N, C-alpha and C. Protein backbone atom coordinates (compact mmCIF):
# COMPACT_ATOMS: atom_id res chain seq x y z
N MET A 1 37.10 -20.17 75.04
CA MET A 1 36.35 -19.03 74.73
C MET A 1 37.30 -17.83 74.41
N ASN A 2 38.28 -17.67 75.32
CA ASN A 2 39.19 -16.51 75.14
C ASN A 2 39.93 -16.53 73.81
N ASP A 3 40.26 -17.76 73.30
CA ASP A 3 40.86 -17.92 72.05
C ASP A 3 39.92 -17.38 70.93
N PHE A 4 38.73 -17.73 70.98
CA PHE A 4 37.73 -17.22 70.01
C PHE A 4 37.64 -15.78 70.04
N LEU A 5 37.56 -15.11 71.19
CA LEU A 5 37.46 -13.62 71.24
C LEU A 5 38.77 -12.96 70.72
N ASN A 6 39.91 -13.58 70.92
CA ASN A 6 41.22 -13.09 70.39
C ASN A 6 41.10 -13.18 68.86
N ARG A 7 40.69 -14.28 68.25
CA ARG A 7 40.51 -14.42 66.84
C ARG A 7 39.55 -13.43 66.27
N ALA A 8 38.47 -13.28 66.97
CA ALA A 8 37.46 -12.28 66.42
C ALA A 8 38.04 -10.83 66.42
N LYS A 9 38.77 -10.44 67.46
CA LYS A 9 39.40 -9.13 67.45
C LYS A 9 40.44 -9.02 66.35
N ASP A 10 41.24 -10.02 66.18
CA ASP A 10 42.24 -10.05 65.08
C ASP A 10 41.50 -9.82 63.71
N PHE A 11 40.41 -10.55 63.46
CA PHE A 11 39.67 -10.39 62.30
C PHE A 11 39.20 -9.04 62.09
N ALA A 12 38.55 -8.45 63.09
CA ALA A 12 38.03 -7.16 63.03
C ALA A 12 39.17 -6.09 62.75
N ASP A 13 40.39 -6.30 63.35
CA ASP A 13 41.48 -5.43 63.12
C ASP A 13 41.96 -5.52 61.62
N GLN A 14 41.95 -6.68 61.03
CA GLN A 14 42.39 -6.89 59.71
C GLN A 14 41.40 -6.53 58.64
N HIS A 15 40.14 -6.48 59.04
CA HIS A 15 39.09 -6.28 58.08
C HIS A 15 38.20 -5.18 58.47
N ASP A 16 38.75 -4.02 58.96
CA ASP A 16 38.03 -2.91 59.50
C ASP A 16 36.97 -2.38 58.63
N GLU A 17 37.34 -2.22 57.34
CA GLU A 17 36.34 -1.66 56.38
C GLU A 17 35.13 -2.50 56.20
N GLN A 18 35.26 -3.81 56.17
CA GLN A 18 34.14 -4.75 56.08
C GLN A 18 33.27 -4.69 57.33
N VAL A 19 33.94 -4.65 58.48
CA VAL A 19 33.19 -4.59 59.75
C VAL A 19 32.40 -3.32 59.81
N ASP A 20 33.04 -2.14 59.47
CA ASP A 20 32.28 -0.94 59.38
C ASP A 20 31.10 -0.89 58.52
N LYS A 21 31.22 -1.52 57.34
CA LYS A 21 30.12 -1.69 56.38
C LYS A 21 28.98 -2.51 56.98
N GLY A 22 29.37 -3.66 57.63
CA GLY A 22 28.44 -4.49 58.25
C GLY A 22 27.68 -3.80 59.39
N LEU A 23 28.38 -2.94 60.19
CA LEU A 23 27.74 -2.16 61.21
C LEU A 23 26.75 -1.09 60.66
N ASP A 24 27.13 -0.48 59.52
CA ASP A 24 26.28 0.43 58.92
C ASP A 24 25.01 -0.30 58.40
N ARG A 25 25.15 -1.44 57.77
CA ARG A 25 24.04 -2.18 57.33
C ARG A 25 23.04 -2.59 58.47
N ALA A 26 23.68 -2.97 59.58
CA ALA A 26 22.85 -3.38 60.73
C ALA A 26 22.07 -2.15 61.27
N GLY A 27 22.77 -1.02 61.33
CA GLY A 27 22.11 0.30 61.75
C GLY A 27 21.00 0.59 60.80
N GLU A 28 21.17 0.50 59.47
CA GLU A 28 20.07 0.81 58.55
C GLU A 28 18.85 -0.21 58.72
N GLU A 29 19.18 -1.39 58.95
CA GLU A 29 18.07 -2.41 59.16
C GLU A 29 17.34 -2.12 60.49
N ALA A 30 18.06 -1.72 61.48
CA ALA A 30 17.38 -1.29 62.80
C ALA A 30 16.51 -0.08 62.53
N ASP A 31 17.01 0.88 61.81
CA ASP A 31 16.25 2.05 61.60
C ASP A 31 14.92 1.67 60.76
N LYS A 32 15.08 0.79 59.82
CA LYS A 32 14.01 0.41 59.03
C LYS A 32 12.90 -0.32 59.95
N ARG A 33 13.37 -1.21 60.68
CA ARG A 33 12.53 -2.03 61.51
C ARG A 33 11.76 -1.22 62.66
N THR A 34 12.45 -0.09 63.05
CA THR A 34 11.76 0.78 64.01
C THR A 34 11.10 1.95 63.39
N GLY A 35 11.09 1.95 62.08
CA GLY A 35 10.41 3.20 61.45
C GLY A 35 11.14 4.43 61.67
N GLY A 36 12.42 4.43 61.98
CA GLY A 36 13.31 5.58 62.18
C GLY A 36 13.04 6.21 63.47
N LYS A 37 12.24 5.62 64.33
CA LYS A 37 11.97 6.19 65.67
C LYS A 37 13.15 6.44 66.52
N TYR A 38 14.15 5.59 66.43
CA TYR A 38 15.31 5.62 67.24
C TYR A 38 16.56 5.94 66.47
N ASP A 39 16.43 6.62 65.37
CA ASP A 39 17.44 6.93 64.40
C ASP A 39 18.72 7.47 65.11
N GLU A 40 18.56 8.53 65.87
CA GLU A 40 19.62 9.16 66.60
C GLU A 40 20.44 8.18 67.50
N HIS A 41 19.72 7.37 68.22
CA HIS A 41 20.30 6.49 69.14
C HIS A 41 21.08 5.36 68.37
N ILE A 42 20.47 4.91 67.24
CA ILE A 42 21.06 3.79 66.50
C ILE A 42 22.38 4.39 65.86
N ASP A 43 22.30 5.56 65.26
CA ASP A 43 23.54 6.13 64.66
C ASP A 43 24.61 6.29 65.67
N LYS A 44 24.24 6.73 66.85
CA LYS A 44 25.27 6.85 67.89
C LYS A 44 25.86 5.57 68.25
N GLY A 45 25.09 4.51 68.40
CA GLY A 45 25.58 3.23 68.70
C GLY A 45 26.50 2.67 67.60
N VAL A 46 26.08 2.88 66.35
CA VAL A 46 26.93 2.38 65.20
C VAL A 46 28.23 3.14 65.23
N ASP A 47 28.23 4.47 65.41
CA ASP A 47 29.51 5.25 65.39
C ASP A 47 30.39 4.71 66.52
N PHE A 48 29.83 4.50 67.75
CA PHE A 48 30.57 4.07 68.86
C PHE A 48 31.16 2.72 68.49
N ALA A 49 30.47 1.74 67.91
CA ALA A 49 30.94 0.38 67.65
C ALA A 49 32.03 0.52 66.56
N GLN A 50 31.93 1.34 65.60
CA GLN A 50 32.91 1.50 64.56
C GLN A 50 34.21 2.07 65.15
N GLN A 51 34.08 2.92 66.08
CA GLN A 51 35.28 3.43 66.73
C GLN A 51 36.04 2.37 67.47
N ARG A 52 35.34 1.38 68.06
CA ARG A 52 35.89 0.35 68.90
C ARG A 52 36.50 -0.88 68.11
N THR A 53 36.16 -1.00 66.83
CA THR A 53 36.65 -2.08 66.01
C THR A 53 37.82 -1.65 65.19
N GLY A 54 38.78 -2.62 64.91
CA GLY A 54 39.87 -2.30 64.02
C GLY A 54 40.59 -1.07 64.30
N GLU A 55 40.91 -0.38 63.27
CA GLU A 55 41.63 0.93 63.38
C GLU A 55 40.62 2.08 63.57
N GLY A 56 39.37 1.84 63.75
CA GLY A 56 38.41 2.97 63.97
C GLY A 56 37.55 3.07 62.77
N ASP A 57 36.75 4.08 62.69
CA ASP A 57 35.75 4.28 61.68
C ASP A 57 36.41 4.61 60.39
N THR A 58 36.21 3.72 59.37
CA THR A 58 36.71 4.03 58.07
C THR A 58 35.68 4.61 57.15
N GLN A 59 34.50 4.57 57.54
CA GLN A 59 33.36 5.14 56.71
C GLN A 59 33.27 6.67 56.98
N GLN A 60 33.39 7.47 56.01
CA GLN A 60 33.30 8.94 56.24
C GLN A 60 31.98 9.47 55.65
C-alpha cells in the first residue's frame, strides 16, 4: 500500500496542472450537485487540496 501512495504522490508532483484541473472540475460538480449551497466551503477545500498536490496551485 505504501508503494501505491508513493507512486500516486510522484504522479501528482509530475502532473500538477492536470491534478489542479481535476480538483477544479470536482469542485464545480460538487457546487452543481449542492445547488451552490456550500460554494464557499467547496472552494476553500479545492484551494487547500491544490496547495497540497505537486508544486502547489497552478490555476490562477
